[in-house]
Amino acid sequence: MPRVRTQEKNRSGRLGVVIVAAGTSQRMVGINKLFATLRGKPLLAWSVDTCQEYGLVRQIILVLNDKDLAQGQKLKGERAWSKVALCPGGARRQDSVKEGLRQIKDCDYVMIHDGAR
């Protein structure tokens, strides 16, 4: 059995989450699906609330398009998301993921999640 160094043994497995939600909801014909209510709360809140409540999650980066940043900031305050930081996304999904990853600090693992699912 390999020996585990003390430094590695004491690591808590800190998890960072990048929630990518920088799309434009073009197929929704004028409805922004991120903020559309589903069973009493915005669709986006289902994902963020789950990550916010999970103990191993240290940091959540919420990547939104420029026009949704203010509404995202408002939702963050209303729902008291203490682990959430917002950042603007890029032109393509991979650009938005890259922007979110740049914001992650001091995490051992990162999970990428689609905020509109």
C-alpha atoms as a PDB file:
ATOM      1  CA  MET A   1       0.000   0.000   0.000  1.00  0.00           C
ATOM      2  CA  PRO A   2       1.515   3.387  -0.984  1.00  0.00           C
ATOM      3  CA  ARG A   3       2.235   5.878   1.742  1.00  0.00           C
ATOM      4  CA  VAL A   4       0.170   9.060   1.721  1.00  0.00           C
ATOM      5  CA  ARG A   5       2.120  12.170   2.533  1.00  0.00           C
ATOM      6  CA  THR A   6       0.707  14.098   5.489  1.00  0.00           C
ATOM      7  CA  GLN A   7       0.166  17.174   3.339  1.00  0.00           C
ATOM      8  CA  GLU A   8      -2.033  15.214   0.904  1.00  0.00           C
ATOM      9  CA  LYS A   9      -3.820  13.367   3.675  1.00  0.00           C
ATOM     10  CA  ASN A  10      -5.021  16.619   5.245  1.00  0.00           C
ATOM     11  CA  ARG A  11      -6.420  18.114   2.064  1.00  0.00           C
ATOM     12  CA  SER A  12     -10.138  18.651   2.240  1.00  0.00           C
ATOM     13  CA  GLY A  13     -10.835  18.146  -1.467  1.00  0.00           C
ATOM     14  CA  ARG A  14     -11.969  21.722  -1.969  1.00  0.00           C
ATOM     15  CA  LEU A  15     -14.369  21.932  -4.886  1.00  0.00           C
ATOM     16  CA  GLY A  16     -14.953  24.897  -7.145  1.00  0.00           C
ATOM     17  CA  VAL A  17     -17.969  25.069  -9.431  1.00  0.00           C
ATOM     18  CA  VAL A  18     -18.287  27.009 -12.673  1.00  0.00           C
ATOM     19  CA  ILE A  19     -21.923  27.406 -13.655  1.00  0.00           C
ATOM     20  CA  VAL A  20     -22.036  28.462 -17.286  1.00  0.00           C
ATOM     21  CA  ALA A  21     -25.185  30.416 -18.113  1.00  0.00           C
ATOM     22  CA  ALA A  22     -24.050  33.016 -20.624  1.00  0.00           C
ATOM     23  CA  GLY A  23     -26.376  32.064 -23.463  1.00  0.00           C
ATOM     24  CA  THR A  24     -29.018  34.316 -24.948  1.00  0.00           C
ATOM     25  CA  SER A  25     -32.104  32.041 -24.753  1.00  0.00           C
ATOM     26  CA  GLN A  26     -32.724  32.659 -28.463  1.00  0.00           C
ATOM     27  CA  ARG A  27     -35.009  29.652 -28.871  1.00  0.00           C
ATOM     28  CA  MET A  28     -37.232  30.783 -25.978  1.00  0.00           C
ATOM     29  CA  VAL A  29     -38.843  33.568 -28.058  1.00  0.00           C
ATOM     30  CA  GLY A  30     -38.334  36.470 -25.665  1.00  0.00           C
ATOM     31  CA  ILE A  31     -38.277  34.499 -22.393  1.00  0.00           C
ATOM     32  CA  ASN A  32     -35.009  34.373 -20.471  1.00  0.00           C
ATOM     33  CA  LYS A  33     -35.067  30.780 -19.273  1.00  0.00           C
ATOM     34  CA  LEU A  34     -32.482  31.409 -16.544  1.00  0.00           C
ATOM     35  CA  PHE A  35     -34.878  33.588 -14.617  1.00  0.00           C
ATOM     36  CA  ALA A  36     -38.114  31.839 -15.622  1.00  0.00           C
ATOM     37  CA  THR A  37     -39.881  30.396 -12.584  1.00  0.00           C
ATOM     38  CA  LEU A  38     -39.959  26.641 -12.169  1.00  0.00           C
ATOM     39  CA  ARG A  39     -41.808  25.281  -9.130  1.00  0.00           C
ATOM     40  CA  GLY A  40     -41.552  28.584  -7.306  1.00  0.00           C
ATOM     41  CA  LYS A  41     -37.998  29.677  -8.042  1.00  0.00           C
ATOM     42  CA  PRO A  42     -35.896  30.767 -11.014  1.00  0.00           C
ATOM     43  CA  LEU A  43     -34.443  27.930 -13.084  1.00  0.00           C
ATOM     44  CA  LEU A  44     -30.903  29.159 -12.388  1.00  0.00           C
ATOM     45  CA  ALA A  45     -31.527  28.994  -8.627  1.00  0.00           C
ATOM     46  CA  TRP A  46     -32.045  25.229  -8.739  1.00  0.00           C
ATOM     47  CA  SER A  47     -28.409  24.683  -9.725  1.00  0.00           C
ATOM     48  CA  VAL A  48     -26.862  27.425  -7.630  1.00  0.00           C
ATOM     49  CA  ASP A  49     -28.862  26.583  -4.482  1.00  0.00           C
ATOM     50  CA  THR A  50     -27.711  22.954  -4.707  1.00  0.00           C
ATOM     51  CA  CYS A  51     -24.056  23.963  -4.999  1.00  0.00           C
ATOM     52  CA  GLN A  52     -24.392  26.655  -2.315  1.00  0.00           C
ATOM     53  CA  GLU A  53     -25.723  24.116   0.191  1.00  0.00           C
ATOM     54  CA  TYR A  54     -23.125  21.420  -0.533  1.00  0.00           C
ATOM     55  CA  GLY A  55     -20.376  21.491   2.091  1.00  0.00           C
ATOM     56  CA  LEU A  56     -17.458  20.541  -0.152  1.00  0.00           C
ATOM     57  CA  VAL A  57     -18.125  23.434  -2.523  1.00  0.00           C
ATOM     58  CA  ARG A  58     -15.794  26.273  -1.638  1.00  0.00           C
ATOM     59  CA  GLN A  59     -16.492  28.658  -4.512  1.00  0.00           C
ATOM     60  CA  ILE A  60     -19.112  29.072  -7.239  1.00  0.00           C
ATOM     61  CA  ILE A  61     -18.407  31.109 -10.341  1.00  0.00           C
ATOM     62  CA  LEU A  62     -21.598  32.078 -12.136  1.00  0.00           C
ATOM     63  CA  VAL A  63     -20.856  33.001 -15.745  1.00  0.00           C
ATOM     64  CA  LEU A  64     -23.559  35.156 -17.332  1.00  0.00           C
ATOM     65  CA  ASN A  65     -23.843  37.242 -20.469  1.00  0.00           C
ATOM     66  CA  ASP A  66     -23.400  40.984 -20.034  1.00  0.00           C
ATOM     67  CA  LYS A  67     -27.126  41.763 -20.148  1.00  0.00           C
ATOM     68  CA  ASP A  68     -27.877  39.278 -17.323  1.00  0.00           C
ATOM     69  CA  LEU A  69     -25.139  40.310 -14.884  1.00  0.00           C
ATOM     70  CA  ALA A  70     -27.272  42.862 -13.017  1.00  0.00           C
ATOM     71  CA  GLN A  71     -30.195  40.465 -12.665  1.00  0.00           C
ATOM     72  CA  GLY A  72     -27.779  37.738 -11.558  1.00  0.00           C
ATOM     73  CA  GLN A  73     -26.288  40.045  -8.925  1.00  0.00           C
ATOM     74  CA  LYS A  74     -29.789  40.854  -7.673  1.00  0.00           C
ATOM     75  CA  LEU A  75     -30.656  37.143  -7.439  1.00  0.00           C
ATOM     76  CA  LYS A  76     -27.395  36.492  -5.587  1.00  0.00           C
ATOM     77  CA  GLY A  77     -28.410  39.034  -2.954  1.00  0.00           C
ATOM     78  CA  GLU A  78     -31.988  37.815  -2.675  1.00  0.00           C
ATOM     79  CA  ARG A  79     -30.924  34.212  -2.200  1.00  0.00           C
ATOM     80  CA  ALA A  80     -27.891  35.023   0.007  1.00  0.00           C
ATOM     81  CA  TRP A  81     -25.435  33.065  -2.134  1.00  0.00           C
ATOM     82  CA  SER A  82     -22.267  33.598  -0.104  1.00  0.00           C
ATOM     83  CA  LYS A  83     -20.074  31.338  -2.268  1.00  0.00           C
ATOM     84  CA  VAL A  84     -21.033  32.966  -5.583  1.00  0.00           C
ATOM     85  CA  ALA A  85     -18.964  35.350  -7.685  1.00  0.00           C
ATOM     86  CA  LEU A  86     -20.248  36.521 -11.062  1.00  0.00           C
ATOM     87  CA  CYS A  87     -18.290  37.073 -14.232  1.00  0.00           C
ATOM     88  CA  PRO A  88     -19.174  37.850 -17.846  1.00  0.00           C
ATOM     89  CA  GLY A  89     -19.034  35.051 -20.380  1.00  0.00           C
ATOM     90  CA  GLY A  90     -17.478  34.906 -23.800  1.00  0.00           C
ATOM     91  CA  ALA A  91     -18.741  34.605 -27.343  1.00  0.00           C
ATOM     92  CA  ARG A  92     -18.862  30.791 -27.271  1.00  0.00           C
ATOM     93  CA  ARG A  93     -19.537  28.251 -24.513  1.00  0.00           C
ATOM     94  CA  GLN A  94     -15.856  27.270 -24.348  1.00  0.00           C
ATOM     95  CA  ASP A  95     -14.933  30.946 -23.955  1.00  0.00           C
ATOM     96  CA  SER A  96     -17.375  31.241 -21.046  1.00  0.00           C
ATOM     97  CA  VAL A  97     -15.955  28.130 -19.382  1.00  0.00           C
ATOM     98  CA  LYS A  98     -12.448  29.567 -19.782  1.00  0.00           C
ATOM     99  CA  GLU A  99     -13.544  32.860 -18.175  1.00  0.00           C
ATOM    100  CA  GLY A 100     -15.093  30.985 -15.263  1.00  0.00           C
ATOM    101  CA  LEU A 101     -11.995  28.853 -14.745  1.00  0.00           C
ATOM    102  CA  ARG A 102      -9.858  32.001 -14.581  1.00  0.00           C
ATOM    103  CA  GLN A 103     -11.874  33.112 -11.546  1.00  0.00           C
ATOM    104  CA  ILE A 104     -11.475  29.879  -9.536  1.00  0.00           C
ATOM    105  CA  LYS A 105      -9.070  30.279  -6.621  1.00  0.00           C
ATOM    106  CA  ASP A 106      -7.628  27.781  -4.153  1.00  0.00           C
ATOM    107  CA  CYS A 107      -9.628  24.709  -5.207  1.00  0.00           C
ATOM    108  CA  ASP A 108      -8.416  21.149  -5.714  1.00  0.00           C
ATOM    109  CA  TYR A 109     -11.187  20.184  -8.122  1.00  0.00           C
ATOM    110  CA  VAL A 110     -13.516  22.055 -10.450  1.00  0.00           C
ATOM    111  CA  MET A 111     -16.924  21.004 -11.704  1.00  0.00           C
ATOM    112  CA  ILE A 112     -18.445  22.626 -14.790  1.00  0.00           C
ATOM    113  CA  HIS A 113     -22.236  22.786 -14.902  1.00  0.00           C
ATOM    114  CA  ASP A 114     -24.716  24.166 -17.425  1.00  0.00           C
ATOM    115  CA  GLY A 115     -26.892  26.646 -15.535  1.00  0.00           C
ATOM    116  CA  ALA A 116     -29.863  26.289 -17.853  1.00  0.00           C
ATOM    117  CA  ARG A 117     -30.294  22.569 -17.237  1.00  0.00           C
END
